[in-house]
Amino acid sequence: MEFSSKILERAVNEMSQLPGIGKRTALRLVLHLLKQPVDQTTFLSQALVAMREDVKFCESCNNISDSEVCEICSNPKRDHALVCVVEDIRDVMAIENTRQFKGIYHVLGGKISPIDGVGPGQLKIAALVDKVKSGKVHELIFALSPTMEGDTTNFYIYKQISDFGIITSAIARGIAVGDELEYADEVTLGRSILQRVPFENSFGNH
């Protein structure tokens, strides 16, 4: 792809680094921005810079937040003894959209995947175990995507906390095996949360 401007080429190259954006799509987006009022492009660039510099990760659950503790964890109306374990921040958003869950979350930041070089030490598992050890957690809901990696991660965590006498459950498998949680429709996801099953049952049938 030939460019008449090195500045344009750099913008296209940077835009094409985004997932799912090829060079042609990047060029179309950059040319669109070039046609917009300067203010609109400035607002976009300022928002991106602010996101990188000011967004924090909740010190309690690892969710994205504007403050040290996110709005969910700081909400006294939430059940802090009920913790939903998810892989990704997008999963928090998906479950919150169902308006069915009244507890809090723990975002692992991924799932165990030896083939991708991701082990337990690279996830927020130790912090979750410490949370359980504190005695403040009554029930842990495993809500990772129902894939082999998700099940492996669930089982690893279960073994780490099995001696602490808390209830462990897993979301009902209304979510198809192999599906990513963020793509589930809100009704199915909400029903899966409400109809969660004891975690032992979730792997006992495999």
Protein backbone atom coordinates (compact mmCIF):
# COMPACT_ATOMS: atom_id res chain seq x y z
CA MET A 1 0.00 0.00 0.00
CA GLU A 2 1.54 3.29 -1.17
CA PHE A 3 1.05 6.49 0.81
CA SER A 4 1.49 10.06 -0.36
CA SER A 5 1.99 11.15 3.26
CA LYS A 6 4.29 9.63 5.88
CA ILE A 7 2.03 11.08 8.59
CA LEU A 8 -0.99 9.30 7.09
CA GLU A 9 1.00 6.09 6.77
CA ARG A 10 1.99 6.22 10.44
CA ALA A 11 -1.63 6.78 11.50
CA VAL A 12 -2.78 3.82 9.38
CA ASN A 13 -0.02 1.59 10.77
CA GLU A 14 -0.97 2.45 14.34
CA MET A 15 -4.69 1.95 13.69
CA SER A 16 -4.04 -1.44 12.07
CA GLN A 17 -2.53 -2.69 15.36
CA LEU A 18 -6.04 -2.92 16.79
CA PRO A 19 -7.58 -6.43 16.78
CA GLY A 20 -9.65 -7.16 13.70
CA ILE A 21 -8.45 -4.05 11.88
CA GLY A 22 -6.51 -4.65 8.67
CA LYS A 23 -4.63 -2.04 6.67
CA ARG A 24 -7.57 -1.27 4.38
CA THR A 25 -10.01 -0.83 7.26
CA ALA A 26 -7.42 1.26 9.10
CA LEU A 27 -7.05 3.50 6.05
CA ARG A 28 -10.82 3.94 5.81
CA LEU A 29 -11.04 4.90 9.51
CA VAL A 30 -8.11 7.32 9.30
CA LEU A 31 -9.53 9.02 6.21
CA HIS A 32 -12.89 9.29 7.99
CA LEU A 33 -11.21 11.00 10.96
CA LEU A 34 -9.37 13.31 8.57
CA LYS A 35 -12.70 14.51 7.18
CA GLN A 36 -14.16 15.22 10.63
CA PRO A 37 -13.88 18.56 12.46
CA VAL A 38 -10.57 18.93 14.30
CA ASP A 39 -12.39 19.04 17.65
CA GLN A 40 -13.87 15.57 17.15
CA THR A 41 -10.46 14.02 16.51
CA THR A 42 -9.02 15.93 19.47
CA PHE A 43 -11.75 14.63 21.79
CA LEU A 44 -11.00 11.08 20.62
CA SER A 45 -7.26 11.41 21.18
CA GLN A 46 -7.80 13.03 24.60
CA ALA A 47 -10.16 10.25 25.64
CA LEU A 48 -7.61 7.60 24.65
CA VAL A 49 -4.77 9.35 26.50
CA ALA A 50 -6.96 9.77 29.61
CA MET A 51 -7.91 6.10 29.45
CA ARG A 52 -4.26 5.03 29.45
CA GLU A 53 -3.16 7.48 32.13
CA ASP A 54 -6.13 7.62 34.51
CA VAL A 55 -8.00 4.29 34.40
CA LYS A 56 -7.19 2.10 37.40
CA PHE A 57 -7.75 -1.52 38.33
CA CYS A 58 -9.82 -2.06 41.46
CA GLU A 59 -7.53 -3.11 44.29
CA SER A 60 -10.23 -5.48 45.54
CA CYS A 61 -11.53 -7.25 42.43
CA ASN A 62 -9.22 -6.15 39.55
CA ASN A 63 -12.12 -4.62 37.60
CA ILE A 64 -11.53 -1.43 35.62
CA SER A 65 -12.27 1.62 37.75
CA ASP A 66 -11.87 5.38 37.98
CA SER A 67 -10.85 5.07 41.64
CA GLU A 68 -8.83 2.69 43.83
CA VAL A 69 -11.97 0.64 44.59
CA CYS A 70 -14.60 0.17 41.88
CA GLU A 71 -18.26 1.19 42.23
CA ILE A 72 -19.36 -2.44 42.60
CA CYS A 73 -16.98 -3.26 45.45
CA SER A 74 -17.72 0.02 47.23
CA ASN A 75 -21.50 -0.43 46.98
CA PRO A 76 -22.85 -1.37 50.46
CA LYS A 77 -25.99 -2.82 48.85
CA ARG A 78 -24.00 -5.59 47.14
CA ASP A 79 -23.55 -8.95 48.88
CA HIS A 80 -19.81 -8.96 49.60
CA ALA A 81 -19.91 -12.57 50.78
CA LEU A 82 -20.97 -13.71 47.30
CA VAL A 83 -18.07 -13.58 44.83
CA CYS A 84 -18.37 -14.31 41.11
CA VAL A 85 -15.08 -15.38 39.51
CA VAL A 86 -14.69 -14.24 35.90
CA GLU A 87 -11.92 -14.28 33.38
CA ASP A 88 -12.22 -10.85 31.87
CA ILE A 89 -13.56 -7.36 32.51
CA ARG A 90 -15.97 -7.86 29.58
CA ASP A 91 -17.55 -10.72 31.52
CA VAL A 92 -18.32 -8.37 34.41
CA MET A 93 -20.08 -6.08 31.95
CA ALA A 94 -22.02 -9.00 30.45
CA ILE A 95 -23.24 -10.28 33.83
CA GLU A 96 -24.05 -6.77 35.09
CA ASN A 97 -26.22 -6.24 32.01
CA THR A 98 -28.45 -9.12 33.15
CA ARG A 99 -29.23 -7.25 36.42
CA GLN A 100 -29.54 -10.66 38.10
CA PHE A 101 -26.36 -10.75 40.19
CA LYS A 102 -26.16 -8.85 43.49
CA GLY A 103 -22.74 -9.96 44.73
CA ILE A 104 -19.25 -8.78 43.81
CA TYR A 105 -16.65 -10.02 41.34
CA HIS A 106 -13.09 -11.24 41.13
CA VAL A 107 -11.46 -10.73 37.72
CA LEU A 108 -8.67 -13.24 37.09
CA GLY A 109 -7.28 -11.49 34.02
CA GLY A 110 -7.28 -14.65 31.91
CA LYS A 111 -7.41 -18.41 32.31
CA ILE A 112 -4.78 -21.11 32.72
CA SER A 113 -3.50 -22.09 29.27
CA PRO A 114 -0.16 -23.91 29.13
CA ILE A 115 -0.17 -23.79 25.32
CA ASP A 116 -0.23 -19.99 25.54
CA GLY A 117 2.28 -19.91 28.37
CA VAL A 118 -0.26 -18.73 30.94
CA GLY A 119 0.11 -20.34 34.36
CA PRO A 120 -1.63 -19.76 37.70
CA GLY A 121 1.06 -17.30 38.79
CA GLN A 122 0.17 -14.92 35.95
CA LEU A 123 -3.47 -14.66 37.04
CA LYS A 124 -5.10 -13.07 40.10
CA ILE A 125 -5.63 -16.46 41.73
CA ALA A 126 -3.50 -15.87 44.84
CA ALA A 127 -5.49 -12.72 45.65
CA LEU A 128 -8.72 -14.72 45.32
CA VAL A 129 -7.43 -17.44 47.66
CA ASP A 130 -6.43 -14.74 50.18
CA LYS A 131 -9.95 -13.31 49.93
CA VAL A 132 -11.40 -16.72 50.76
CA LYS A 133 -8.91 -17.22 53.61
CA SER A 134 -10.10 -13.95 55.18
CA GLY A 135 -13.37 -15.69 56.07
CA LYS A 136 -15.52 -13.00 54.49
CA VAL A 137 -16.60 -15.10 51.48
CA HIS A 138 -19.66 -17.36 51.84
CA GLU A 139 -20.01 -18.55 48.25
CA LEU A 140 -17.77 -18.56 45.20
CA ILE A 141 -19.45 -18.71 41.77
CA PHE A 142 -17.27 -19.95 38.92
CA ALA A 143 -18.34 -18.04 35.80
CA LEU A 144 -15.48 -18.67 33.41
CA SER A 145 -16.25 -19.52 29.80
CA PRO A 146 -17.07 -23.24 29.46
CA THR A 147 -13.94 -24.20 27.55
CA MET A 148 -11.19 -26.67 28.43
CA GLU A 149 -9.02 -23.80 29.71
CA GLY A 150 -11.91 -22.37 31.71
CA ASP A 151 -12.67 -25.74 33.32
CA THR A 152 -8.98 -26.26 34.11
CA THR A 153 -8.83 -22.86 35.81
CA ASN A 154 -12.03 -23.51 37.75
CA PHE A 155 -10.73 -26.84 39.00
CA TYR A 156 -7.34 -25.41 39.97
CA ILE A 157 -8.99 -22.69 42.06
CA TYR A 158 -11.43 -25.20 43.56
CA LYS A 159 -8.52 -27.33 44.80
CA GLN A 160 -6.86 -24.24 46.29
CA ILE A 161 -9.89 -23.25 48.36
CA SER A 162 -11.56 -26.63 49.01
CA ASP A 163 -10.35 -26.77 52.63
CA PHE A 164 -12.02 -23.51 53.67
CA GLY A 165 -15.57 -24.80 53.84
CA ILE A 166 -17.26 -22.25 51.57
CA ILE A 167 -19.99 -22.96 49.04
CA THR A 168 -18.70 -23.31 45.47
CA SER A 169 -21.04 -23.18 42.52
CA ALA A 170 -20.78 -22.83 38.76
CA ILE A 171 -23.12 -21.05 36.39
CA ALA A 172 -25.65 -23.40 34.80
CA ARG A 173 -24.55 -24.65 31.42
CA GLY A 174 -27.14 -22.75 29.50
CA ILE A 175 -23.94 -21.33 28.04
CA ALA A 176 -22.91 -23.73 25.30
CA VAL A 177 -19.63 -25.58 25.81
CA GLY A 178 -16.88 -23.80 23.90
CA ASP A 179 -18.70 -20.45 23.84
CA GLU A 180 -17.19 -17.22 25.17
CA LEU A 181 -19.22 -15.66 27.98
CA GLU A 182 -19.26 -12.15 26.53
CA TYR A 183 -21.19 -13.34 23.44
CA ALA A 184 -24.02 -15.00 25.37
CA ASP A 185 -27.39 -13.27 25.26
CA GLU A 186 -28.48 -11.55 28.48
CA VAL A 187 -31.45 -13.84 29.16
CA THR A 188 -29.36 -17.03 28.90
CA LEU A 189 -26.53 -15.54 30.94
CA GLY A 190 -28.90 -14.23 33.61
CA ARG A 191 -30.61 -17.63 33.86
CA SER A 192 -27.22 -19.32 34.17
CA ILE A 193 -26.34 -17.12 37.13
CA LEU A 194 -29.67 -17.74 38.89
CA GLN A 195 -29.61 -21.50 38.19
CA ARG A 196 -25.99 -22.04 39.20
CA VAL A 197 -25.10 -25.52 40.41
CA PRO A 198 -22.68 -26.84 43.06
CA PHE A 199 -19.23 -26.75 41.50
CA GLU A 200 -18.58 -30.42 42.29
CA ASN A 201 -21.52 -31.30 40.03
CA SER A 202 -20.16 -29.19 37.19
CA PHE A 203 -17.09 -31.38 36.72
CA GLY A 204 -18.49 -34.63 38.07
CA ASN A 205 -20.34 -35.34 34.81
CA HIS A 206 -17.32 -34.86 32.56
